[in-house]
Amino acid sequence: MSNIKISAVSYTNTKPFIYGIEHSEILNKIDLSLDIPSDCAAKLINNQVDIGLIPVAVIPHVPNANIVADYCIGSIGAVNSVFIFSDVDVSEIKTVRLDSHSRTSNNLAKVLLKFYWKLDVEFTTDIDAKTDAIVLIGDRTFGKKADYAFAYDMGQQWMDFTGLPFVYAAWVANKTIPQSFIDEFNKALAFGLGHRAELLKGLPARDDFDLNDYLFHKLDFDLTEKKREALDLFLSYIARL
């Protein structure tokens, strides 16, 4: 069998997964590429890869989509890397610039603004547009909260809205993957999660962001039944936008 092609996101939140893959024999059975979330999704949709760690909002657009791992990028409440940053209180937001890197966070912002905060907001992707608020995700948010009058952590806002955790990205295949590979893949991911302390030692130190707290306490990697429930609910809200 030829190597299974995998695309994963290149943010800090996926480094435990990458660590596990790179310290496992499974590395010899895959072709791994590291991408931003939107490119990861495009590769899976276009059948350029077999498995992708993709923004969950893209799942309905993936042919033959099936989740193939017991792990995800998720949070139970605040995640500290998925934000609506704003110059005004949320009740006064009229315009929002979306983040080009991820459909999930953009859709989560739209869901929260429409169904939780009951606001009618205009959205743009124009990076030069002056807006009341912006959606920003991933490593580019580290240390940025102090730059804005208001920082709305969308993991926490979703929890306040629904009482559920959230799934930002999941390992999704566009074809049937042998169960033997999935079992080995899950072991590799679990190994990486079990070695977060070693991984942290190799990351550059930051004065403006607590990487230990982020990888051990803000992110929650188990794809639980509650997270699956949240995923189904989120996709149902997206369909109503």
Protein backbone atom coordinates (compact mmCIF):
# COMPACT_ATOMS: atom_id res chain seq x y z
CA MET A 1 0.00 0.00 0.00
CA SER A 2 1.33 3.46 -0.87
CA ASN A 3 1.92 5.98 1.89
CA ILE A 4 -1.18 7.68 3.30
CA LYS A 5 -1.06 11.41 2.62
CA ILE A 6 -1.80 13.56 5.67
CA SER A 7 -2.13 17.32 6.01
CA ALA A 8 -1.94 18.82 9.49
CA VAL A 9 -2.14 22.35 10.78
CA SER A 10 1.17 24.01 11.66
CA TYR A 11 0.04 25.91 14.78
CA THR A 12 1.30 25.38 18.33
CA ASN A 13 -1.96 23.62 19.20
CA THR A 14 -1.08 20.71 16.89
CA LYS A 15 2.53 20.30 18.00
CA PRO A 16 1.69 17.45 20.42
CA PHE A 17 0.16 15.53 17.51
CA ILE A 18 3.12 16.24 15.24
CA TYR A 19 5.53 15.24 18.02
CA GLY A 20 3.74 11.91 18.39
CA ILE A 21 3.73 11.24 14.65
CA GLU A 22 7.41 12.14 14.28
CA HIS A 23 8.35 9.84 17.19
CA SER A 24 6.38 6.87 15.84
CA GLU A 25 6.95 4.21 13.21
CA ILE A 26 3.85 5.56 11.49
CA LEU A 27 6.04 8.34 10.08
CA ASN A 28 7.39 5.79 7.59
CA LYS A 29 3.88 5.01 6.34
CA ILE A 30 2.71 8.56 5.62
CA ASP A 31 3.53 11.63 3.58
CA LEU A 32 3.02 14.55 6.01
CA SER A 33 2.54 18.19 5.04
CA LEU A 34 2.04 21.10 7.42
CA ASP A 35 -0.40 23.80 6.32
CA ILE A 36 -2.67 26.57 7.54
CA PRO A 37 -6.21 25.28 8.27
CA SER A 38 -7.79 26.58 5.06
CA ASP A 39 -5.13 24.90 2.89
CA CYS A 40 -5.41 21.69 4.89
CA ALA A 41 -9.14 21.67 4.16
CA ALA A 42 -8.67 22.46 0.45
CA LYS A 43 -6.22 19.58 0.05
CA LEU A 44 -8.70 17.13 1.61
CA ILE A 45 -11.63 18.40 -0.45
CA ASN A 46 -9.56 18.20 -3.66
CA ASN A 47 -8.32 14.68 -2.83
CA GLN A 48 -4.68 15.82 -2.64
CA VAL A 49 -4.44 14.12 0.76
CA ASP A 50 -6.23 11.19 2.39
CA ILE A 51 -6.50 12.59 5.94
CA GLY A 52 -6.51 16.17 7.15
CA LEU A 53 -6.68 17.89 10.50
CA ILE A 54 -9.34 20.23 9.20
CA PRO A 55 -11.57 22.99 10.57
CA VAL A 56 -14.80 21.22 11.45
CA ALA A 57 -16.94 23.71 9.50
CA VAL A 58 -15.49 22.17 6.33
CA ILE A 59 -16.64 18.61 7.10
CA PRO A 60 -19.91 18.93 5.12
CA HIS A 61 -17.86 19.88 2.03
CA VAL A 62 -15.51 16.87 2.17
CA PRO A 63 -16.55 13.93 -0.06
CA ASN A 64 -17.06 10.74 1.98
CA ALA A 65 -16.02 12.58 5.16
CA ASN A 66 -15.36 10.37 8.16
CA ILE A 67 -13.59 11.21 11.42
CA VAL A 68 -10.70 8.80 11.88
CA ALA A 69 -9.13 9.59 15.25
CA ASP A 70 -10.05 9.65 18.92
CA TYR A 71 -8.43 13.08 19.27
CA CYS A 72 -9.14 16.60 18.08
CA ILE A 73 -8.31 20.24 18.70
CA GLY A 74 -10.92 21.26 21.23
CA SER A 75 -11.59 23.11 24.45
CA ILE A 76 -13.93 23.01 27.41
CA GLY A 77 -14.55 26.71 27.76
CA ALA A 78 -11.82 29.25 27.06
CA VAL A 79 -9.16 28.17 24.54
CA ASN A 80 -7.08 31.38 24.52
CA SER A 81 -6.32 31.29 20.79
CA VAL A 82 -9.69 31.80 19.04
CA PHE A 83 -10.92 35.36 19.50
CA ILE A 84 -13.15 38.15 18.43
CA PHE A 85 -10.97 41.17 19.21
CA SER A 86 -12.98 44.38 19.35
CA ASP A 87 -12.65 48.10 19.93
CA VAL A 88 -16.22 48.25 21.22
CA ASP A 89 -18.46 46.21 23.50
CA VAL A 90 -20.00 43.24 21.68
CA SER A 91 -23.43 44.88 21.79
CA GLU A 92 -22.05 47.71 19.63
CA ILE A 93 -20.31 45.59 16.98
CA LYS A 94 -21.57 46.40 13.50
CA THR A 95 -18.66 45.26 11.29
CA VAL A 96 -16.26 42.31 11.60
CA ARG A 97 -13.21 41.34 9.56
CA LEU A 98 -12.92 37.57 9.23
CA ASP A 99 -9.73 35.51 9.47
CA SER A 100 -8.52 34.06 6.17
CA HIS A 101 -6.94 31.05 7.91
CA SER A 102 -10.01 29.21 9.16
CA ARG A 103 -13.63 28.64 8.21
CA THR A 104 -14.54 27.20 11.60
CA SER A 105 -13.65 30.28 13.61
CA ASN A 106 -15.31 32.58 11.10
CA ASN A 107 -18.47 30.50 11.25
CA LEU A 108 -18.30 30.29 15.03
CA ALA A 109 -18.13 34.08 15.17
CA LYS A 110 -21.14 34.32 12.86
CA VAL A 111 -23.09 31.78 14.94
CA LEU A 112 -22.34 33.56 18.21
CA LEU A 113 -23.10 37.02 16.84
CA LYS A 114 -26.40 35.95 15.29
CA PHE A 115 -27.81 33.33 17.65
CA TYR A 116 -26.19 34.16 21.01
CA TRP A 117 -25.78 37.91 20.92
CA LYS A 118 -28.71 38.46 18.48
CA LEU A 119 -26.79 40.96 16.34
CA ASP A 120 -27.00 41.83 12.65
CA VAL A 121 -23.38 42.28 11.63
CA GLU A 122 -21.63 43.01 8.35
CA PHE A 123 -18.61 40.81 7.55
CA THR A 124 -15.62 41.43 5.33
CA THR A 125 -12.41 39.64 4.37
CA ASP A 126 -10.72 42.85 3.20
CA ILE A 127 -7.52 43.09 5.26
CA ASP A 128 -7.45 46.87 4.78
CA ALA A 129 -11.03 47.42 5.94
CA LYS A 130 -11.57 49.36 9.15
CA THR A 131 -13.99 47.35 11.27
CA ASP A 132 -15.29 47.35 14.84
CA ALA A 133 -13.90 43.86 15.44
CA ILE A 134 -11.78 41.12 13.91
CA VAL A 135 -11.68 37.34 14.11
CA LEU A 136 -8.17 36.05 14.82
CA ILE A 137 -6.99 32.52 15.56
CA GLY A 138 -3.96 30.45 16.38
CA ASP A 139 -0.45 31.57 17.19
CA ARG A 140 -1.13 35.04 15.78
CA THR A 141 -3.32 35.73 18.83
CA PHE A 142 -0.57 35.05 21.38
CA GLY A 143 0.07 38.14 23.47
CA LYS A 144 -2.50 40.20 21.55
CA LYS A 145 -5.30 40.51 24.12
CA ALA A 146 -3.80 43.65 25.62
CA ASP A 147 -3.90 45.37 22.22
CA TYR A 148 -7.70 45.53 22.17
CA ALA A 149 -10.35 47.00 24.43
CA PHE A 150 -12.33 43.75 24.31
CA ALA A 151 -11.23 40.15 23.70
CA TYR A 152 -14.01 37.59 23.38
CA ASP A 153 -12.70 34.03 23.69
CA MET A 154 -15.03 32.08 21.43
CA GLY A 155 -14.49 28.80 23.26
CA GLN A 156 -15.83 30.42 26.43
CA GLN A 157 -18.63 32.22 24.61
CA TRP A 158 -19.77 28.95 23.00
CA MET A 159 -19.76 27.28 26.42
CA ASP A 160 -21.79 30.16 27.86
CA PHE A 161 -24.22 29.85 24.94
CA THR A 162 -24.65 26.05 24.78
CA GLY A 163 -23.14 24.56 27.92
CA LEU A 164 -20.98 22.38 25.66
CA PRO A 165 -17.29 22.09 24.82
CA PHE A 166 -16.14 22.88 21.29
CA VAL A 167 -14.25 21.14 18.50
CA TYR A 168 -12.18 23.44 16.28
CA ALA A 169 -10.50 20.81 14.13
CA ALA A 170 -10.77 17.04 13.69
CA TRP A 171 -8.82 14.35 11.85
CA VAL A 172 -11.04 13.64 8.84
CA ALA A 173 -10.54 11.24 5.92
CA ASN A 174 -12.13 11.40 2.47
CA LYS A 175 -12.00 7.64 1.97
CA THR A 176 -12.02 4.43 4.01
CA ILE A 177 -8.79 4.08 5.98
CA PRO A 178 -7.72 0.62 7.22
CA GLN A 179 -8.56 0.12 10.89
CA SER A 180 -5.03 -1.12 11.55
CA PHE A 181 -3.67 2.24 10.40
CA ILE A 182 -6.23 4.17 12.48
CA ASP A 183 -5.23 2.19 15.58
CA GLU A 184 -1.55 2.97 14.99
CA PHE A 185 -2.36 6.60 14.24
CA ASN A 186 -4.30 6.98 17.50
CA LYS A 187 -1.35 5.51 19.42
CA ALA A 188 0.99 8.04 17.80
CA LEU A 189 -1.29 10.94 18.70
CA ALA A 190 -1.66 9.66 22.27
CA PHE A 191 2.13 9.38 22.56
CA GLY A 192 2.51 13.02 21.56
CA LEU A 193 -0.09 14.15 24.09
CA GLY A 194 1.70 12.15 26.76
CA HIS A 195 4.96 13.96 26.04
CA ARG A 196 3.79 17.57 26.11
CA ALA A 197 6.26 18.38 28.90
CA GLU A 198 9.19 17.32 26.70
CA LEU A 199 7.72 19.18 23.75
CA LEU A 200 7.42 22.39 25.78
CA LYS A 201 11.13 22.32 26.61
CA GLY A 202 11.88 22.69 22.91
CA LEU A 203 9.55 25.63 22.28
CA PRO A 204 10.83 29.21 22.42
CA ALA A 205 10.00 30.87 25.74
CA ARG A 206 7.43 33.67 25.66
CA ASP A 207 6.88 36.44 28.17
CA ASP A 208 3.45 37.32 26.77
CA PHE A 209 1.80 33.89 26.63
CA ASP A 210 1.68 30.84 28.93
CA LEU A 211 2.40 27.89 26.63
CA ASN A 212 2.22 25.38 29.48
CA ASP A 213 -1.26 26.51 30.47
CA TYR A 214 -2.30 26.51 26.81
CA LEU A 215 -1.15 22.98 25.96
CA PHE A 216 -2.14 21.38 29.27
CA HIS A 217 -5.23 23.28 30.42
CA LYS A 218 -6.82 25.41 27.68
CA LEU A 219 -6.71 22.87 24.87
CA ASP A 220 -8.63 19.63 25.36
CA PHE A 221 -7.71 16.95 22.85
CA ASP A 222 -10.08 14.03 23.53
CA LEU A 223 -12.92 13.67 21.04
CA THR A 224 -15.58 12.88 23.60
CA GLU A 225 -19.29 12.28 23.10
CA LYS A 226 -19.97 15.79 24.42
CA LYS A 227 -17.65 17.22 21.79
CA ARG A 228 -19.37 15.19 19.08
CA GLU A 229 -22.69 16.56 20.34
CA ALA A 230 -21.26 20.08 20.16
CA LEU A 231 -19.97 19.44 16.65
CA ASP A 232 -23.40 18.33 15.43
CA LEU A 233 -25.03 21.36 17.07
CA PHE A 234 -22.46 23.73 15.56
CA LEU A 235 -22.98 22.32 12.06
CA SER A 236 -26.74 22.69 12.48
CA TYR A 237 -26.27 26.37 13.37
CA ILE A 238 -24.00 26.91 10.36
CA ALA A 239 -26.73 25.51 8.11
CA ARG A 240 -29.05 28.23 9.44
CA LEU A 241 -26.73 31.17 8.82
